[in-house]
PDB file of N, CA and C in Angstrom:
ATOM      1  N   UNK A   1       0.924  -1.242   0.088  1.00  0.00           N
ATOM      2  CA  UNK A   1       0.075   0.093   0.039  1.00  0.00           C
ATOM      3  C   UNK A   1       0.822   1.342   0.028  1.00  0.00           C
ATOM      4  N   UNK A   2       0.556   2.236  -0.701  1.00  0.00           N
ATOM      5  CA  UNK A   2       1.323   3.390  -0.858  1.00  0.00           C
ATOM      6  C   UNK A   2       0.618   4.714  -0.080  1.00  0.00           C
ATOM      7  N   UNK A   3       1.245   5.241   0.631  1.00  0.00           N
ATOM      8  CA  UNK A   3       0.851   6.464   1.070  1.00  0.00           C
ATOM      9  C   UNK A   3       1.397   7.693   0.186  1.00  0.00           C
ATOM     10  N   UNK A   4       0.822   8.790   0.362  1.00  0.00           N
ATOM     11  CA  UNK A   4       1.455   9.970  -0.254  1.00  0.00           C
ATOM     12  C   UNK A   4       2.713  10.268  -0.041  1.00  0.00           C
ATOM     13  N   UNK A   5       3.437  10.740  -1.135  1.00  0.00           N
ATOM     14  CA  UNK A   5       4.901  10.776  -1.046  1.00  0.00           C
ATOM     15  C   UNK A   5       5.660  11.981  -0.348  1.00  0.00           C
ATOM     16  N   UNK A   6       4.766  12.526   0.680  1.00  0.00           N
ATOM     17  CA  UNK A   6       5.365  13.830   1.304  1.00  0.00           C
ATOM     18  C   UNK A   6       6.651  13.349   2.152  1.00  0.00           C
ATOM     19  N   UNK A   7       6.878  12.202   2.296  1.00  0.00           N
ATOM     20  CA  UNK A   7       8.133  11.816   3.256  1.00  0.00           C
ATOM     21  C   UNK A   7       9.241  11.453   2.485  1.00  0.00           C
ATOM     22  N   UNK A   8       9.285  11.581   1.127  1.00  0.00           N
ATOM     23  CA  UNK A   8      10.382  11.446   0.279  1.00  0.00           C
ATOM     24  C   UNK A   8      11.691  12.086   0.709  1.00  0.00           C
ATOM     25  N   UNK A   9      12.854  11.382   1.043  1.00  0.00           N
ATOM     26  CA  UNK A   9      13.936  12.182   1.110  1.00  0.00           C
ATOM     27  C   UNK A   9      15.033  11.693   0.039  1.00  0.00           C
ATOM     28  N   UNK A  10      15.503  12.754  -0.656  1.00  0.00           N
ATOM     29  CA  UNK A  10      16.336  12.348  -1.791  1.00  0.00           C
ATOM     30  C   UNK A  10      17.568  11.616  -1.289  1.00  0.00           C
ATOM     31  N   UNK A  11      17.869  10.406  -1.941  1.00  0.00           N
ATOM     32  CA  UNK A  11      18.985   9.502  -1.733  1.00  0.00           C
ATOM     33  C   UNK A  11      18.622   8.543  -0.581  1.00  0.00           C
ATOM     34  N   UNK A  12      17.457   8.461   0.152  1.00  0.00           N
ATOM     35  CA  UNK A  12      17.061   7.590   1.081  1.00  0.00           C
ATOM     36  C   UNK A  12      15.848   6.604   0.516  1.00  0.00           C
ATOM     37  N   UNK A  13      16.268   5.368   0.592  1.00  0.00           N
ATOM     38  CA  UNK A  13      15.395   4.329   0.021  1.00  0.00           C
ATOM     39  C   UNK A  13      14.503   3.927   1.117  1.00  0.00           C
ATOM     40  N   UNK A  14      13.132   4.334   0.820  1.00  0.00           N
ATOM     41  CA  UNK A  14      12.096   3.984   1.797  1.00  0.00           C
ATOM     42  C   UNK A  14      11.911   2.436   1.992  1.00  0.00           C
ATOM     43  N   UNK A  15      11.774   1.920   3.116  1.00  0.00           N
ATOM     44  CA  UNK A  15      11.496   0.575   3.235  1.00  0.00           C
ATOM     45  C   UNK A  15       9.937   0.226   2.774  1.00  0.00           C
ATOM     46  N   UNK A  16       9.770  -0.838   2.461  1.00  0.00           N
ATOM     47  CA  UNK A  16       8.732  -1.406   1.554  1.00  0.00           C
ATOM     48  C   UNK A  16       7.976  -2.275   2.574  1.00  0.00           C
ATOM     49  N   UNK A  17       6.544  -1.817   2.582  1.00  0.00           N
ATOM     50  CA  UNK A  17       5.803  -2.742   3.572  1.00  0.00           C
ATOM     51  C   UNK A  17       5.196  -3.927   2.997  1.00  0.00           C
ATOM     52  N   UNK A  18       6.018  -5.124   3.141  1.00  0.00           N
ATOM     53  CA  UNK A  18       5.463  -6.497   2.609  1.00  0.00           C
ATOM     54  C   UNK A  18       4.550  -7.138   3.536  1.00  0.00           C
ATOM     55  N   UNK A  19       4.130  -8.250   2.972  1.00  0.00           N
ATOM     56  CA  UNK A  19       3.450  -9.159   3.777  1.00  0.00           C
ATOM     57  C   UNK A  19       4.062  -9.604   5.262  1.00  0.00           C
ATOM     58  N   UNK A  20       5.397 -10.227   4.957  1.00  0.00           N
ATOM     59  CA  UNK A  20       6.212 -10.457   6.201  1.00  0.00           C
ATOM     60  C   UNK A  20       6.371  -9.144   7.165  1.00  0.00           C
ATOM     61  N   UNK A  21       6.735  -8.104   6.500  1.00  0.00           N
ATOM     62  CA  UNK A  21       6.899  -6.843   7.568  1.00  0.00           C
ATOM     63  C   UNK A  21       5.579  -6.551   8.196  1.00  0.00           C
ATOM     64  N   UNK A  22       4.589  -6.638   7.501  1.00  0.00           N
ATOM     65  CA  UNK A  22       3.009  -6.473   8.394  1.00  0.00           C
ATOM     66  C   UNK A  22       3.006  -7.440   9.260  1.00  0.00           C
ATOM     67  N   UNK A  23       3.355  -8.711   9.201  1.00  0.00           N
ATOM     68  CA  UNK A  23       3.260  -9.651  10.204  1.00  0.00           C
ATOM     69  C   UNK A  23       3.989  -9.375  11.355  1.00  0.00           C
ATOM     70  N   UNK A  24       5.468  -8.897  11.007  1.00  0.00           N
ATOM     71  CA  UNK A  24       6.300  -8.420  12.099  1.00  0.00           C
ATOM     72  C   UNK A  24       5.872  -7.295  12.864  1.00  0.00           C
ATOM     73  N   UNK A  25       5.299  -6.222  12.166  1.00  0.00           N
ATOM     74  CA  UNK A  25       4.878  -4.986  12.666  1.00  0.00           C
ATOM     75  C   UNK A  25       3.789  -5.338  13.758  1.00  0.00           C
ATOM     76  N   UNK A  26       2.776  -5.968  13.216  1.00  0.00           N
ATOM     77  CA  UNK A  26       1.614  -6.296  14.121  1.00  0.00           C
ATOM     78  C   UNK A  26       1.840  -6.921  15.326  1.00  0.00           C
ATOM     79  N   UNK A  27       2.957  -7.531  15.518  1.00  0.00           N
ATOM     80  CA  UNK A  27       3.317  -8.280  16.774  1.00  0.00           C
ATOM     81  C   UNK A  27       3.962  -7.459  17.698  1.00  0.00           C
ATOM     82  N   UNK A  28       4.229  -6.270  17.383  1.00  0.00           N
ATOM     83  CA  UNK A  28       4.885  -5.352  18.293  1.00  0.00           C
ATOM     84  C   UNK A  28       3.934  -4.323  19.012  1.00  0.00           C
ATOM     85  N   UNK A  29       4.088  -3.808  20.104  1.00  0.00           N
ATOM     86  CA  UNK A  29       3.106  -3.045  21.124  1.00  0.00           C
ATOM     87  C   UNK A  29       2.482  -2.073  20.062  1.00  0.00           C
ATOM     88  N   UNK A  30       3.211  -1.214  19.327  1.00  0.00           N
ATOM     89  CA  UNK A  30       2.785  -0.243  18.490  1.00  0.00           C
ATOM     90  C   UNK A  30       1.866  -0.722  17.417  1.00  0.00           C
ATOM     91  N   UNK A  31       2.117  -1.840  16.784  1.00  0.00           N
ATOM     92  CA  UNK A  31       1.385  -2.321  15.841  1.00  0.00           C
ATOM     93  C   UNK A  31       0.054  -3.108  16.400  1.00  0.00           C
ATOM     94  N   UNK A  32       0.096  -3.579  17.565  1.00  0.00           N
ATOM     95  CA  UNK A  32      -1.088  -4.200  18.405  1.00  0.00           C
ATOM     96  C   UNK A  32      -1.893  -3.037  18.665  1.00  0.00           C
ATOM     97  N   UNK A  33      -1.359  -1.795  19.052  1.00  0.00           N
ATOM     98  CA  UNK A  33      -2.376  -0.653  19.145  1.00  0.00           C
ATOM     99  C   UNK A  33      -2.949  -0.183  18.132  1.00  0.00           C
ATOM    100  N   UNK A  34      -2.205  -0.143  16.826  1.00  0.00           N
ATOM    101  CA  UNK A  34      -2.976   0.452  15.670  1.00  0.00           C
ATOM    102  C   UNK A  34      -3.979  -0.743  15.302  1.00  0.00           C
ATOM    103  N   UNK A  35      -3.751  -2.072  15.420  1.00  0.00           N
ATOM    104  CA  UNK A  35      -4.568  -2.982  14.907  1.00  0.00           C
ATOM    105  C   UNK A  35      -5.874  -3.034  15.860  1.00  0.00           C
ATOM    106  N   UNK A  36      -5.543  -2.635  17.116  1.00  0.00           N
ATOM    107  CA  UNK A  36      -6.787  -2.698  18.009  1.00  0.00           C
ATOM    108  C   UNK A  36      -7.587  -1.244  17.940  1.00  0.00           C
ATOM    109  N   UNK A  37      -7.180  -0.403  17.035  1.00  0.00           N
ATOM    110  CA  UNK A  37      -7.903   0.926  17.095  1.00  0.00           C
ATOM    111  C   UNK A  37      -9.303   0.738  16.422  1.00  0.00           C
ATOM    112  N   UNK A  38     -10.254   1.200  16.751  1.00  0.00           N
ATOM    113  CA  UNK A  38     -11.529   1.153  16.116  1.00  0.00           C
ATOM    114  C   UNK A  38     -11.465   1.903  14.589  1.00  0.00           C
ATOM    115  N   UNK A  39     -12.411   1.377  13.725  1.00  0.00           N
ATOM    116  CA  UNK A  39     -12.229   2.175  12.479  1.00  0.00           C
ATOM    117  C   UNK A  39     -12.454   3.483  12.553  1.00  0.00           C
ATOM    118  N   UNK A  40     -13.545   4.011  13.330  1.00  0.00           N
ATOM    119  CA  UNK A  40     -13.847   5.383  13.362  1.00  0.00           C
ATOM    120  C   UNK A  40     -12.852   6.291  13.894  1.00  0.00           C
ATOM    121  N   UNK A  41     -11.862   5.899  14.624  1.00  0.00           N
ATOM    122  CA  UNK A  41     -10.628   6.771  15.105  1.00  0.00           C
ATOM    123  C   UNK A  41      -9.541   6.755  14.092  1.00  0.00           C
ATOM    124  N   UNK A  42      -9.543   5.896  13.078  1.00  0.00           N
ATOM    125  CA  UNK A  42      -8.487   6.167  12.106  1.00  0.00           C
ATOM    126  C   UNK A  42      -8.137   7.476  11.637  1.00  0.00           C
ATOM    127  N   UNK A  43      -9.093   8.129  11.170  1.00  0.00           N
ATOM    128  CA  UNK A  43      -8.641   9.538  10.611  1.00  0.00           C
ATOM    129  C   UNK A  43      -7.775  10.335  11.579  1.00  0.00           C
ATOM    130  N   UNK A  44      -8.313  10.388  12.727  1.00  0.00           N
ATOM    131  CA  UNK A  44      -7.367  11.104  13.713  1.00  0.00           C
ATOM    132  C   UNK A  44      -6.050  10.367  14.187  1.00  0.00           C
ATOM    133  N   UNK A  45      -6.132   9.192  14.252  1.00  0.00           N
ATOM    134  CA  UNK A  45      -4.734   8.297  14.237  1.00  0.00           C
ATOM    135  C   UNK A  45      -3.822   8.702  13.076  1.00  0.00           C
ATOM    136  N   UNK A  46      -4.213   8.513  11.832  1.00  0.00           N
ATOM    137  CA  UNK A  46      -3.299   8.750  10.840  1.00  0.00           C
ATOM    138  C   UNK A  46      -2.963  10.211  10.665  1.00  0.00           C
ATOM    139  N   UNK A  47      -3.992  11.305  11.028  1.00  0.00           N
ATOM    140  CA  UNK A  47      -3.573  12.668  11.084  1.00  0.00           C
ATOM    141  C   UNK A  47      -2.351  12.783  12.134  1.00  0.00           C
ATOM    142  N   UNK A  48      -2.346  12.301  13.266  1.00  0.00           N
ATOM    143  CA  UNK A  48      -1.425  12.452  14.237  1.00  0.00           C
ATOM    144  C   UNK A  48      -0.107  11.751  13.893  1.00  0.00           C
ATOM    145  N   UNK A  49      -0.060  10.735  13.260  1.00  0.00           N
ATOM    146  CA  UNK A  49       1.178   9.897  12.710  1.00  0.00           C
ATOM    147  C   UNK A  49       1.635  10.858  11.683  1.00  0.00           C
ATOM    148  N   UNK A  50       1.063  11.329  10.889  1.00  0.00           N
ATOM    149  CA  UNK A  50       1.512  12.142   9.748  1.00  0.00           C
ATOM    150  C   UNK A  50       2.158  13.484  10.083  1.00  0.00           C
ATOM    151  N   UNK A  51       1.530  13.935  11.120  1.00  0.00           N
ATOM    152  CA  UNK A  51       1.943  15.251  11.728  1.00  0.00           C
ATOM    153  C   UNK A  51       3.253  15.039  12.520  1.00  0.00           C
ATOM    154  N   UNK A  52       3.360  13.931  13.352  1.00  0.00           N
ATOM    155  CA  UNK A  52       4.605  13.505  13.842  1.00  0.00           C
ATOM    156  C   UNK A  52       5.815  13.353  12.863  1.00  0.00           C
ATOM    157  N   UNK A  53       5.486  12.689  11.890  1.00  0.00           N
ATOM    158  CA  UNK A  53       6.400  12.454  10.770  1.00  0.00           C
ATOM    159  C   UNK A  53       6.839  13.849  10.162  1.00  0.00           C
ATOM    160  N   UNK A  54       5.897  14.762   9.974  1.00  0.00           N
ATOM    161  CA  UNK A  54       6.385  15.965   9.385  1.00  0.00           C
ATOM    162  C   UNK A  54       7.170  16.763  10.384  1.00  0.00           C
ATOM    163  N   UNK A  55       6.820  16.731  11.580  1.00  0.00           N
ATOM    164  CA  UNK A  55       7.677  17.353  12.520  1.00  0.00           C
ATOM    165  C   UNK A  55       9.092  16.651  12.641  1.00  0.00           C
ATOM    166  N   UNK A  56       9.275  15.366  12.566  1.00  0.00           N
ATOM    167  CA  UNK A  56      10.641  14.679  12.591  1.00  0.00           C
ATOM    168  C   UNK A  56      11.179  15.181  11.458  1.00  0.00           C
ATOM    169  N   UNK A  57      10.701  15.406  10.172  1.00  0.00           N
ATOM    170  CA  UNK A  57      11.228  15.641   8.840  1.00  0.00           C
ATOM    171  C   UNK A  57      11.700  17.034   8.966  1.00  0.00           C
ATOM    172  N   UNK A  58      10.921  18.044   9.553  1.00  0.00           N
ATOM    173  CA  UNK A  58      11.601  19.420   9.736  1.00  0.00           C
ATOM    174  C   UNK A  58      12.797  19.391  10.713  1.00  0.00           C
ATOM    175  N   UNK A  59      12.646  18.645  11.721  1.00  0.00           N
ATOM    176  CA  UNK A  59      13.918  18.437  12.679  1.00  0.00           C
ATOM    177  C   UNK A  59      15.058  17.812  11.749  1.00  0.00           C
ATOM    178  N   UNK A  60      14.923  16.955  11.059  1.00  0.00           N
ATOM    179  CA  UNK A  60      15.978  16.288  10.264  1.00  0.00           C
ATOM    180  C   UNK A  60      16.565  17.537   9.378  1.00  0.00           C
ATOM    181  N   UNK A  61      15.583  18.129   8.673  1.00  0.00           N
ATOM    182  CA  UNK A  61      16.120  19.329   7.730  1.00  0.00           C
ATOM    183  C   UNK A  61      16.731  20.050   8.428  1.00  0.00           C
ATOM    184  N   UNK A  62      16.511  20.572   9.621  1.00  0.00           N
ATOM    185  CA  UNK A  62      17.139  21.465  10.326  1.00  0.00           C
ATOM    186  C   UNK A  62      18.642  20.949  10.813  1.00  0.00           C
ATOM    187  N   UNK A  63      18.804  19.874  11.246  1.00  0.00           N
ATOM    188  CA  UNK A  63      19.933  19.222  11.722  1.00  0.00           C
ATOM    189  C   UNK A  63      20.907  18.923  10.351  1.00  0.00           C
ATOM    190  N   UNK A  64      20.248  18.672   9.312  1.00  0.00           N
ATOM    191  CA  UNK A  64      21.116  18.543   8.018  1.00  0.00           C
ATOM    192  C   UNK A  64      21.872  19.836   7.757  1.00  0.00           C
ATOM    193  N   UNK A  65      20.833  21.002   7.896  1.00  0.00           N
ATOM    194  CA  UNK A  65      21.405  22.442   7.396  1.00  0.00           C
ATOM    195  C   UNK A  65      22.366  22.976   8.352  1.00  0.00           C
ATOM    196  N   UNK A  66      22.340  22.556   9.618  1.00  0.00           N
ATOM    197  CA  UNK A  66      22.978  23.071  10.632  1.00  0.00           C
ATOM    198  C   UNK A  66      24.274  22.191  10.795  1.00  0.00           C
ATOM    199  N   UNK A  67      24.547  21.291   9.852  1.00  0.00           N
ATOM    200  CA  UNK A  67      25.578  20.484   9.921  1.00  0.00           C
ATOM    201  C   UNK A  67      25.904  19.852  11.282  1.00  0.00           C
ATOM    202  N   UNK A  68      24.841  19.216  11.871  1.00  0.00           N
ATOM    203  CA  UNK A  68      24.878  18.799  13.372  1.00  0.00           C
ATOM    204  C   UNK A  68      25.354  17.341  13.320  1.00  0.00           C
ATOM    205  N   UNK A  69      25.642  16.865  14.449  1.00  0.00           N
ATOM    206  CA  UNK A  69      26.160  15.711  14.505  1.00  0.00           C
ATOM    207  C   UNK A  69      25.474  14.322  13.637  1.00  0.00           C
ATOM    208  N   UNK A  70      26.225  13.683  12.963  1.00  0.00           N
ATOM    209  CA  UNK A  70      25.848  12.805  11.795  1.00  0.00           C
ATOM    210  C   UNK A  70      25.018  11.566  12.510  1.00  0.00           C
ATOM    211  N   UNK A  71      25.489  11.193  13.810  1.00  0.00           N
ATOM    212  CA  UNK A  71      24.786   9.960  14.562  1.00  0.00           C
ATOM    213  C   UNK A  71      23.436  10.566  14.954  1.00  0.00           C
ATOM    214  N   UNK A  72      23.361  11.648  15.367  1.00  0.00           N
ATOM    215  CA  UNK A  72      21.962  12.021  15.872  1.00  0.00           C
ATOM    216  C   UNK A  72      21.077  12.112  14.622  1.00  0.00           C
ATOM    217  N   UNK A  73      21.523  12.467  13.399  1.00  0.00           N
ATOM    218  CA  UNK A  73      20.759  12.624  12.130  1.00  0.00           C
ATOM    219  C   UNK A  73      20.360  11.099  11.730  1.00  0.00           C
ATOM    220  N   UNK A  74      21.312  10.387  11.813  1.00  0.00           N
ATOM    221  CA  UNK A  74      21.278   8.763  11.400  1.00  0.00           C
ATOM    222  C   UNK A  74      20.307   8.307  12.311  1.00  0.00           C
ATOM    223  N   UNK A  75      20.207   8.453  13.550  1.00  0.00           N
ATOM    224  CA  UNK A  75      19.238   7.908  14.575  1.00  0.00           C
ATOM    225  C   UNK A  75      17.913   8.477  14.384  1.00  0.00           C
ATOM    226  N   UNK A  76      17.653   9.695  14.042  1.00  0.00           N
ATOM    227  CA  UNK A  76      16.556  10.506  13.748  1.00  0.00           C
ATOM    228  C   UNK A  76      15.800   9.825  12.301  1.00  0.00           C
ATOM    229  N   UNK A  77      16.826   9.609  11.520  1.00  0.00           N
ATOM    230  CA  UNK A  77      16.282   8.938  10.044  1.00  0.00           C
ATOM    231  C   UNK A  77      15.833   7.612  10.329  1.00  0.00           C
ATOM    232  N   UNK A  78      16.554   6.802  11.103  1.00  0.00           N
ATOM    233  CA  UNK A  78      16.127   5.396  11.219  1.00  0.00           C
ATOM    234  C   UNK A  78      14.744   5.419  12.125  1.00  0.00           C
ATOM    235  N   UNK A  79      14.520   6.386  13.010  1.00  0.00           N
ATOM    236  CA  UNK A  79      13.263   6.501  13.695  1.00  0.00           C
ATOM    237  C   UNK A  79      12.087   6.951  12.672  1.00  0.00           C
ATOM    238  N   UNK A  80      12.413   7.848  11.755  1.00  0.00           N
ATOM    239  CA  UNK A  80      11.461   8.431  10.743  1.00  0.00           C
ATOM    240  C   UNK A  80      10.964   7.117   9.880  1.00  0.00           C
ATOM    241  N   UNK A  81      12.046   6.391   9.398  1.00  0.00           N
ATOM    242  CA  UNK A  81      11.784   5.080   8.509  1.00  0.00           C
ATOM    243  C   UNK A  81      10.992   4.100   9.219  1.00  0.00           C
ATOM    244  N   UNK A  82      11.123   3.830  10.426  1.00  0.00           N
ATOM    245  CA  UNK A  82      10.340   3.144  11.170  1.00  0.00           C
ATOM    246  C   UNK A  82       8.651   3.584  11.229  1.00  0.00           C
ATOM    247  N   UNK A  83       8.803   4.718  11.597  1.00  0.00           N
ATOM    248  CA  UNK A  83       7.434   5.311  11.769  1.00  0.00           C
ATOM    249  C   UNK A  83       6.623   5.649  10.489  1.00  0.00           C
ATOM    250  N   UNK A  84       7.445   5.709   9.498  1.00  0.00           N
ATOM    251  CA  UNK A  84       6.805   5.793   8.224  1.00  0.00           C
ATOM    252  C   UNK A  84       6.193   4.309   7.915  1.00  0.00           C
ATOM    253  N   UNK A  85       6.974   3.211   8.151  1.00  0.00           N
ATOM    254  CA  UNK A  85       6.305   2.140   8.013  1.00  0.00           C
ATOM    255  C   UNK A  85       5.112   1.730   8.998  1.00  0.00           C
ATOM    256  N   UNK A  86       5.120   2.090  10.130  1.00  0.00           N
ATOM    257  CA  UNK A  86       3.911   2.134  10.977  1.00  0.00           C
ATOM    258  C   UNK A  86       2.678   3.091  10.316  1.00  0.00           C
ATOM    259  N   UNK A  87       3.090   4.181   9.635  1.00  0.00           N
ATOM    260  CA  UNK A  87       1.904   4.714   8.925  1.00  0.00           C
ATOM    261  C   UNK A  87       1.439   3.995   7.861  1.00  0.00           C
ATOM    262  N   UNK A  88       2.426   3.452   7.308  1.00  0.00           N
ATOM    263  CA  UNK A  88       1.639   2.615   6.185  1.00  0.00           C
ATOM    264  C   UNK A  88       0.951   1.452   6.590  1.00  0.00           C
ATOM    265  N   UNK A  89       1.440   0.761   7.848  1.00  0.00           N
ATOM    266  CA  UNK A  89       0.657  -0.153   8.316  1.00  0.00           C
ATOM    267  C   UNK A  89      -0.764   0.259   8.663  1.00  0.00           C
ATOM    268  N   UNK A  90      -0.619   1.494   9.242  1.00  0.00           N
ATOM    269  CA  UNK A  90      -2.155   2.052   9.843  1.00  0.00           C
ATOM    270  C   UNK A  90      -3.117   2.208   8.542  1.00  0.00           C
ATOM    271  N   UNK A  91      -2.559   2.799   7.371  1.00  0.00           N
ATOM    272  CA  UNK A  91      -3.143   2.819   6.131  1.00  0.00           C
ATOM    273  C   UNK A  91      -3.780   1.450   5.733  1.00  0.00           C
ATOM    274  N   UNK A  92      -3.013   0.387   5.953  1.00  0.00           N
ATOM    275  CA  UNK A  92      -3.394  -0.800   5.477  1.00  0.00           C
ATOM    276  C   UNK A  92      -4.510  -1.479   6.398  1.00  0.00           C
ATOM    277  N   UNK A  93      -4.149  -1.317   7.487  1.00  0.00           N
ATOM    278  CA  UNK A  93      -5.167  -1.877   8.780  1.00  0.00           C
ATOM    279  C   UNK A  93      -6.452  -1.048   8.407  1.00  0.00           C
ATOM    280  N   UNK A  94      -6.446   0.341   8.196  1.00  0.00           N
ATOM    281  CA  UNK A  94      -7.720   0.987   8.000  1.00  0.00           C
ATOM    282  C   UNK A  94      -8.501   0.342   6.921  1.00  0.00           C
ATOM    283  N   UNK A  95      -7.844   0.044   5.650  1.00  0.00           N
ATOM    284  CA  UNK A  95      -8.404  -0.333   4.639  1.00  0.00           C
ATOM    285  C   UNK A  95      -8.903  -1.776   4.867  1.00  0.00           C
ATOM    286  N   UNK A  96      -8.216  -2.648   5.649  1.00  0.00           N
ATOM    287  CA  UNK A  96      -8.738  -3.781   6.005  1.00  0.00           C
ATOM    288  C   UNK A  96     -10.074  -3.952   6.876  1.00  0.00           C
ATOM    289  N   UNK A  97     -10.017  -2.782   7.764  1.00  0.00           N
ATOM    290  CA  UNK A  97     -11.347  -2.751   8.560  1.00  0.00           C
ATOM    291  C   UNK A  97     -12.374  -2.100   7.849  1.00  0.00           C
ATOM    292  N   UNK A  98     -12.074  -1.273   6.913  1.00  0.00           N
ATOM    293  CA  UNK A  98     -13.162  -0.808   6.093  1.00  0.00           C
ATOM    294  C   UNK A  98     -13.775  -1.832   5.112  1.00  0.00           C
ATOM    295  N   UNK A  99     -12.961  -2.702   4.555  1.00  0.00           N
ATOM    296  CA  UNK A  99     -13.546  -3.887   3.741  1.00  0.00           C
ATOM    297  C   UNK A  99     -14.302  -4.840   4.492  1.00  0.00           C
ATOM    298  N   UNK A 100     -13.903  -5.039   5.782  1.00  0.00           N
ATOM    299  CA  UNK A 100     -14.646  -5.962   6.678  1.00  0.00           C
ATOM    300  C   UNK A 100     -16.064  -5.267   6.953  1.00  0.00           C
ATOM    301  N   UNK A 101     -15.972  -4.050   7.248  1.00  0.00           N
ATOM    302  CA  UNK A 101     -17.216  -3.415   7.418  1.00  0.00           C
ATOM    303  C   UNK A 101     -18.241  -3.551   6.226  1.00  0.00           C
ATOM    304  N   UNK A 102     -17.622  -3.131   4.984  1.00  0.00           N
ATOM    305  CA  UNK A 102     -18.397  -3.434   3.792  1.00  0.00           C
ATOM    306  C   UNK A 102     -18.925  -4.706   3.492  1.00  0.00           C
ATOM    307  N   UNK A 103     -18.190  -5.747   3.881  1.00  0.00           N
ATOM    308  CA  UNK A 103     -18.719  -7.069   3.702  1.00  0.00           C
ATOM    309  C   UNK A 103     -19.573  -7.297   4.744  1.00  0.00           C
ATOM    310  N   UNK A 104     -19.599  -6.825   5.824  1.00  0.00           N
ATOM    311  CA  UNK A 104     -20.747  -7.079   6.864  1.00  0.00           C
ATOM    312  C   UNK A 104     -22.053  -6.369   6.452  1.00  0.00           C
ATOM    313  N   UNK A 105     -21.927  -5.343   5.860  1.00  0.00           N
ATOM    314  CA  UNK A 105     -23.165  -4.534   5.640  1.00  0.00           C
ATOM    315  C   UNK A 105     -23.721  -5.234   4.277  1.00  0.00           C
ATOM    316  N   UNK A 106     -22.986  -5.878   3.478  1.00  0.00           N
ATOM    317  CA  UNK A 106     -23.646  -6.509   2.294  1.00  0.00           C
ATOM    318  C   UNK A 106     -24.165  -7.790   2.658  1.00  0.00           C
ATOM    319  N   UNK A 107     -23.903  -8.200   3.799  1.00  0.00           N
ATOM    320  CA  UNK A 107     -24.444  -9.540   4.255  1.00  0.00           C
ATOM    321  C   UNK A 107     -25.768  -9.629   4.748  1.00  0.00           C
TER     322      UNK A 107
END
Protein backbone atom coordinates (compact mmCIF):
# COMPACT_ATOMS: atom_id res chain seq x y z
CA UNK A 1 0.00 0.00 0.00
CA UNK A 2 1.36 3.40 -0.90
CA UNK A 3 0.81 6.53 1.13
CA UNK A 4 1.31 9.97 -0.30
CA UNK A 5 4.93 10.71 -1.00
CA UNK A 6 5.40 13.70 1.31
CA UNK A 7 8.08 11.85 3.26
CA UNK A 8 10.39 11.33 0.29
CA UNK A 9 13.97 12.08 1.15
CA UNK A 10 16.43 12.37 -1.74
CA UNK A 11 19.00 9.58 -1.62
CA UNK A 12 17.13 7.58 1.04
CA UNK A 13 15.51 4.30 0.03
CA UNK A 14 12.16 4.04 1.79
CA UNK A 15 11.42 0.61 3.29
CA UNK A 16 8.65 -1.40 1.64
CA UNK A 17 5.67 -2.73 3.56
CA UNK A 18 5.65 -6.40 2.59
CA UNK A 19 3.39 -9.15 3.90
CA UNK A 20 6.23 -10.37 6.10
CA UNK A 21 6.82 -6.87 7.45
CA UNK A 22 3.10 -6.49 8.19
CA UNK A 23 3.22 -9.71 10.22
CA UNK A 24 6.31 -8.50 12.06
CA UNK A 25 4.95 -5.02 12.80
CA UNK A 26 1.56 -6.25 14.03
CA UNK A 27 3.37 -8.25 16.73
CA UNK A 28 4.93 -5.14 18.26
CA UNK A 29 3.15 -3.09 20.95
CA UNK A 30 2.70 -0.17 18.54
CA UNK A 31 1.36 -2.51 15.85
CA UNK A 32 -1.07 -4.10 18.30
CA UNK A 33 -2.27 -0.63 19.28
CA UNK A 34 -2.86 0.26 15.63
CA UNK A 35 -4.61 -3.06 14.96
CA UNK A 36 -6.88 -2.59 17.97
CA UNK A 37 -7.92 0.91 17.00
CA UNK A 38 -11.61 1.18 16.06
CA UNK A 39 -12.27 2.09 12.43
CA UNK A 40 -13.87 5.43 13.34
CA UNK A 41 -10.69 6.56 15.11
CA UNK A 42 -8.39 6.02 12.12
CA UNK A 43 -8.68 9.51 10.58
CA UNK A 44 -7.40 11.09 13.79
CA UNK A 45 -4.74 8.40 14.25
CA UNK A 46 -3.44 8.86 10.72
CA UNK A 47 -3.44 12.64 11.05
CA UNK A 48 -1.42 12.40 14.28
CA UNK A 49 1.05 9.96 12.74
CA UNK A 50 1.52 12.17 9.66
CA UNK A 51 1.95 15.27 11.82
CA UNK A 52 4.61 13.54 13.93
CA UNK A 53 6.46 12.47 10.79
CA UNK A 54 6.35 15.98 9.37
CA UNK A 55 7.78 17.34 12.64
CA UNK A 56 10.56 14.74 12.51
CA UNK A 57 11.24 15.66 8.89
CA UNK A 58 11.51 19.35 9.79
CA UNK A 59 13.90 18.51 12.62
CA UNK A 60 15.97 16.32 10.29
CA UNK A 61 16.14 19.16 7.77
CA UNK A 62 17.25 21.62 10.46
CA UNK A 63 19.93 19.19 11.67
CA UNK A 64 21.13 18.62 8.13
CA UNK A 65 21.43 22.34 7.34
CA UNK A 66 23.09 23.05 10.67
CA UNK A 67 25.67 20.34 9.94
CA UNK A 68 24.75 18.74 13.24
CA UNK A 69 26.18 15.50 14.57
CA UNK A 70 25.73 12.82 11.92
CA UNK A 71 24.98 10.14 14.53
CA UNK A 72 21.94 12.04 15.81
CA UNK A 73 20.76 12.58 12.22
CA UNK A 74 21.15 8.86 11.49
CA UNK A 75 19.20 7.93 14.61
CA UNK A 76 16.42 10.35 13.67
CA UNK A 77 16.40 9.02 10.12
CA UNK A 78 16.06 5.42 11.35
CA UNK A 79 13.23 6.49 13.65
CA UNK A 80 11.49 8.28 10.79
CA UNK A 81 11.79 5.26 8.50
CA UNK A 82 10.29 3.03 11.19
CA UNK A 83 7.48 5.52 11.87
CA UNK A 84 6.79 5.70 8.14
CA UNK A 85 6.34 1.92 8.05
CA UNK A 86 3.89 2.15 10.93
CA UNK A 87 2.01 4.86 9.04
CA UNK A 88 1.75 2.57 6.03
CA UNK A 89 0.64 -0.23 8.36
CA UNK A 90 -2.09 2.04 9.75
CA UNK A 91 -3.31 2.80 6.22
CA UNK A 92 -3.34 -0.93 5.44
CA UNK A 93 -5.23 -1.82 8.64
CA UNK A 94 -7.72 0.99 7.99
CA UNK A 95 -8.40 -0.46 4.54
CA UNK A 96 -8.83 -3.97 5.97
CA UNK A 97 -11.27 -2.69 8.61
CA UNK A 98 -13.18 -0.69 5.98
CA UNK A 99 -13.42 -3.75 3.74
CA UNK A 100 -14.64 -5.92 6.64
CA UNK A 101 -17.25 -3.28 7.41
CA UNK A 102 -18.43 -3.26 3.79
CA UNK A 103 -18.66 -7.05 3.70
CA UNK A 104 -20.71 -7.12 6.89
CA UNK A 105 -23.07 -4.45 5.49
CA UNK A 106 -23.54 -6.48 2.31
CA UNK A 107 -24.42 -9.63 4.26
